Amino acid sequence: MGEIRPCPLVIGYAKMAGFTPDQLSEALGMTRRTLSNKINGVTDFTLSEAILMKKLLGRSLDDIFLRDDVA
């Protein structure tokens, strides 16, 4: 299975849902730096964080995360 990484549009999706990056990180229970690291692929999102982000942003997991093995 290929790598799963956040879509570069995550912050745009957050803005559309009414969140600033600070508000999104707080809603996810992490610091702004941690959220930035996760969005930039430095560290991975946990499954529970991914599901919560899906709910907060009103988007599908396929919208939020990209898979390298999908052609």
N, C-alpha and C. Protein backbone atom coordinates (compact mmCIF):
# COMPACT_ATOMS: atom_id res chain seq x y z
N MET A 1 0.84 -1.17 0.00
CA MET A 1 0.00 0.00 0.00
C MET A 1 0.89 1.23 0.00
N GLY A 2 0.50 2.25 -0.74
CA GLY A 2 1.27 3.48 -0.83
C GLY A 2 1.06 4.38 0.38
N GLU A 3 1.76 5.48 0.33
CA GLU A 3 1.70 6.46 1.41
C GLU A 3 0.39 7.23 1.36
N ILE A 4 -0.13 7.56 2.53
CA ILE A 4 -1.33 8.39 2.65
C ILE A 4 -0.88 9.69 3.29
N ARG A 5 -1.20 10.81 2.63
CA ARG A 5 -0.76 12.10 3.15
C ARG A 5 -1.89 13.12 3.02
N PRO A 6 -1.85 14.17 3.83
CA PRO A 6 -2.91 15.18 3.75
C PRO A 6 -2.87 15.91 2.40
N CYS A 7 -4.03 16.27 1.94
CA CYS A 7 -4.17 17.06 0.73
C CYS A 7 -3.66 18.48 1.00
N PRO A 8 -2.99 19.11 0.03
CA PRO A 8 -2.51 20.48 0.23
C PRO A 8 -3.64 21.49 0.46
N LEU A 9 -4.87 21.10 0.18
CA LEU A 9 -6.00 22.01 0.34
C LEU A 9 -6.63 21.99 1.72
N VAL A 10 -6.04 21.27 2.67
CA VAL A 10 -6.64 21.12 4.01
C VAL A 10 -6.93 22.47 4.65
N ILE A 11 -5.99 23.40 4.61
CA ILE A 11 -6.22 24.70 5.24
C ILE A 11 -7.33 25.45 4.51
N GLY A 12 -7.41 25.31 3.21
CA GLY A 12 -8.52 25.91 2.45
C GLY A 12 -9.85 25.31 2.86
N TYR A 13 -9.89 23.99 3.03
CA TYR A 13 -11.11 23.33 3.50
C TYR A 13 -11.48 23.84 4.89
N ALA A 14 -10.47 24.04 5.74
CA ALA A 14 -10.72 24.55 7.09
C ALA A 14 -11.33 25.95 7.03
N LYS A 15 -10.79 26.80 6.17
CA LYS A 15 -11.33 28.16 6.02
C LYS A 15 -12.77 28.11 5.53
N MET A 16 -13.05 27.23 4.58
CA MET A 16 -14.42 27.10 4.07
C MET A 16 -15.38 26.64 5.15
N ALA A 17 -14.87 25.86 6.12
CA ALA A 17 -15.70 25.37 7.22
C ALA A 17 -15.74 26.37 8.38
N GLY A 18 -15.04 27.50 8.23
CA GLY A 18 -15.07 28.54 9.25
C GLY A 18 -13.99 28.46 10.31
N PHE A 19 -12.94 27.68 10.05
CA PHE A 19 -11.84 27.51 11.00
C PHE A 19 -10.60 28.25 10.54
N THR A 20 -9.93 28.93 11.47
CA THR A 20 -8.57 29.37 11.23
C THR A 20 -7.67 28.18 11.55
N PRO A 21 -6.42 28.20 11.13
CA PRO A 21 -5.52 27.10 11.52
C PRO A 21 -5.43 26.94 13.04
N ASP A 22 -5.42 28.05 13.78
CA ASP A 22 -5.39 27.95 15.25
C ASP A 22 -6.63 27.28 15.79
N GLN A 23 -7.80 27.63 15.25
CA GLN A 23 -9.05 27.03 15.71
C GLN A 23 -9.11 25.55 15.36
N LEU A 24 -8.64 25.19 14.17
CA LEU A 24 -8.65 23.79 13.77
C LEU A 24 -7.73 22.98 14.66
N SER A 25 -6.53 23.50 14.92
CA SER A 25 -5.61 22.76 15.78
C SER A 25 -6.20 22.59 17.18
N GLU A 26 -6.85 23.63 17.70
CA GLU A 26 -7.48 23.51 19.02
C GLU A 26 -8.60 22.48 19.01
N ALA A 27 -9.42 22.50 17.96
CA ALA A 27 -10.53 21.54 17.87
C ALA A 27 -10.01 20.10 17.76
N LEU A 28 -8.82 19.94 17.18
CA LEU A 28 -8.22 18.61 17.05
C LEU A 28 -7.42 18.22 18.28
N GLY A 29 -7.28 19.16 19.24
CA GLY A 29 -6.57 18.86 20.47
C GLY A 29 -5.06 18.81 20.32
N MET A 30 -4.53 19.68 19.43
CA MET A 30 -3.08 19.70 19.22
C MET A 30 -2.63 21.14 19.06
N THR A 31 -1.33 21.35 19.12
CA THR A 31 -0.80 22.69 18.93
C THR A 31 -0.80 23.03 17.44
N ARG A 32 -0.66 24.30 17.16
CA ARG A 32 -0.58 24.74 15.76
C ARG A 32 0.63 24.11 15.09
N ARG A 33 1.75 24.02 15.78
CA ARG A 33 2.97 23.42 15.21
C ARG A 33 2.72 21.94 14.89
N THR A 34 2.05 21.22 15.79
CA THR A 34 1.76 19.81 15.53
C THR A 34 0.87 19.66 14.31
N LEU A 35 -0.16 20.50 14.20
CA LEU A 35 -1.03 20.44 13.02
C LEU A 35 -0.22 20.73 11.76
N SER A 36 0.62 21.74 11.80
CA SER A 36 1.46 22.07 10.65
C SER A 36 2.35 20.90 10.27
N ASN A 37 2.96 20.26 11.26
CA ASN A 37 3.82 19.10 10.99
C ASN A 37 3.03 17.98 10.34
N LYS A 38 1.81 17.76 10.79
CA LYS A 38 0.99 16.69 10.23
C LYS A 38 0.56 17.03 8.80
N ILE A 39 0.14 18.28 8.57
CA ILE A 39 -0.26 18.69 7.22
C ILE A 39 0.92 18.62 6.26
N ASN A 40 2.10 18.94 6.73
CA ASN A 40 3.29 18.93 5.88
C ASN A 40 3.97 17.56 5.80
N GLY A 41 3.38 16.55 6.42
CA GLY A 41 3.89 15.19 6.30
C GLY A 41 5.08 14.86 7.18
N VAL A 42 5.40 15.74 8.14
CA VAL A 42 6.50 15.47 9.06
C VAL A 42 6.11 14.35 10.01
N THR A 43 4.89 14.40 10.50
CA THR A 43 4.32 13.34 11.34
C THR A 43 2.97 12.94 10.76
N ASP A 44 2.49 11.78 11.14
CA ASP A 44 1.24 11.25 10.61
C ASP A 44 0.05 11.60 11.49
N PHE A 45 -1.11 11.74 10.87
CA PHE A 45 -2.36 11.85 11.61
C PHE A 45 -2.72 10.47 12.13
N THR A 46 -3.28 10.41 13.34
CA THR A 46 -3.83 9.15 13.83
C THR A 46 -5.18 8.95 13.16
N LEU A 47 -5.70 7.75 13.23
CA LEU A 47 -7.01 7.48 12.65
C LEU A 47 -8.07 8.33 13.33
N SER A 48 -8.01 8.45 14.65
CA SER A 48 -9.03 9.25 15.36
C SER A 48 -8.92 10.73 14.97
N GLU A 49 -7.72 11.24 14.76
CA GLU A 49 -7.55 12.64 14.32
C GLU A 49 -8.13 12.82 12.91
N ALA A 50 -7.88 11.86 12.03
CA ALA A 50 -8.39 11.93 10.66
C ALA A 50 -9.91 11.93 10.65
N ILE A 51 -10.51 11.06 11.45
CA ILE A 51 -11.97 10.99 11.50
C ILE A 51 -12.56 12.27 12.08
N LEU A 52 -11.94 12.81 13.13
CA LEU A 52 -12.41 14.06 13.71
C LEU A 52 -12.27 15.20 12.70
N MET A 53 -11.16 15.25 11.98
CA MET A 53 -10.98 16.30 10.98
C MET A 53 -12.03 16.19 9.89
N LYS A 54 -12.34 14.99 9.47
CA LYS A 54 -13.40 14.75 8.48
C LYS A 54 -14.72 15.33 8.96
N LYS A 55 -15.06 15.09 10.21
CA LYS A 55 -16.30 15.60 10.78
C LYS A 55 -16.29 17.12 10.90
N LEU A 56 -15.17 17.67 11.36
CA LEU A 56 -15.07 19.12 11.54
C LEU A 56 -15.15 19.87 10.21
N LEU A 57 -14.51 19.33 9.20
CA LEU A 57 -14.45 20.01 7.91
C LEU A 57 -15.62 19.67 6.99
N GLY A 58 -16.38 18.65 7.35
CA GLY A 58 -17.51 18.26 6.51
C GLY A 58 -17.08 17.73 5.15
N ARG A 59 -15.93 17.09 5.12
CA ARG A 59 -15.37 16.54 3.88
C ARG A 59 -15.16 15.04 4.05
N SER A 60 -15.00 14.35 2.94
CA SER A 60 -14.70 12.92 3.02
C SER A 60 -13.21 12.73 3.29
N LEU A 61 -12.86 11.55 3.77
CA LEU A 61 -11.44 11.23 3.97
C LEU A 61 -10.70 11.28 2.64
N ASP A 62 -11.38 10.91 1.55
CA ASP A 62 -10.75 10.98 0.23
C ASP A 62 -10.44 12.42 -0.17
N ASP A 63 -11.27 13.38 0.28
CA ASP A 63 -10.99 14.79 0.01
C ASP A 63 -9.78 15.27 0.79
N ILE A 64 -9.66 14.82 2.03
CA ILE A 64 -8.65 15.34 2.95
C ILE A 64 -7.30 14.66 2.77
N PHE A 65 -7.30 13.38 2.42
CA PHE A 65 -6.05 12.63 2.34
C PHE A 65 -5.86 12.08 0.93
N LEU A 66 -4.61 12.13 0.46
CA LEU A 66 -4.23 11.61 -0.86
C LEU A 66 -3.47 10.31 -0.68
N ARG A 67 -3.71 9.37 -1.57
CA ARG A 67 -2.98 8.10 -1.56
C ARG A 67 -2.11 8.03 -2.78
N ASP A 68 -0.85 7.69 -2.58
CA ASP A 68 0.09 7.58 -3.69
C ASP A 68 -0.20 6.39 -4.59
N ASP A 69 -0.88 5.37 -4.07
CA ASP A 69 -1.07 4.16 -4.87
C ASP A 69 -2.34 4.21 -5.71
N VAL A 70 -3.05 5.33 -5.71
CA VAL A 70 -4.27 5.45 -6.52
C VAL A 70 -3.91 6.06 -7.86
N ALA A 71 -4.27 5.37 -8.91
CA ALA A 71 -3.92 5.86 -10.25
C ALA A 71 -5.01 6.76 -10.80
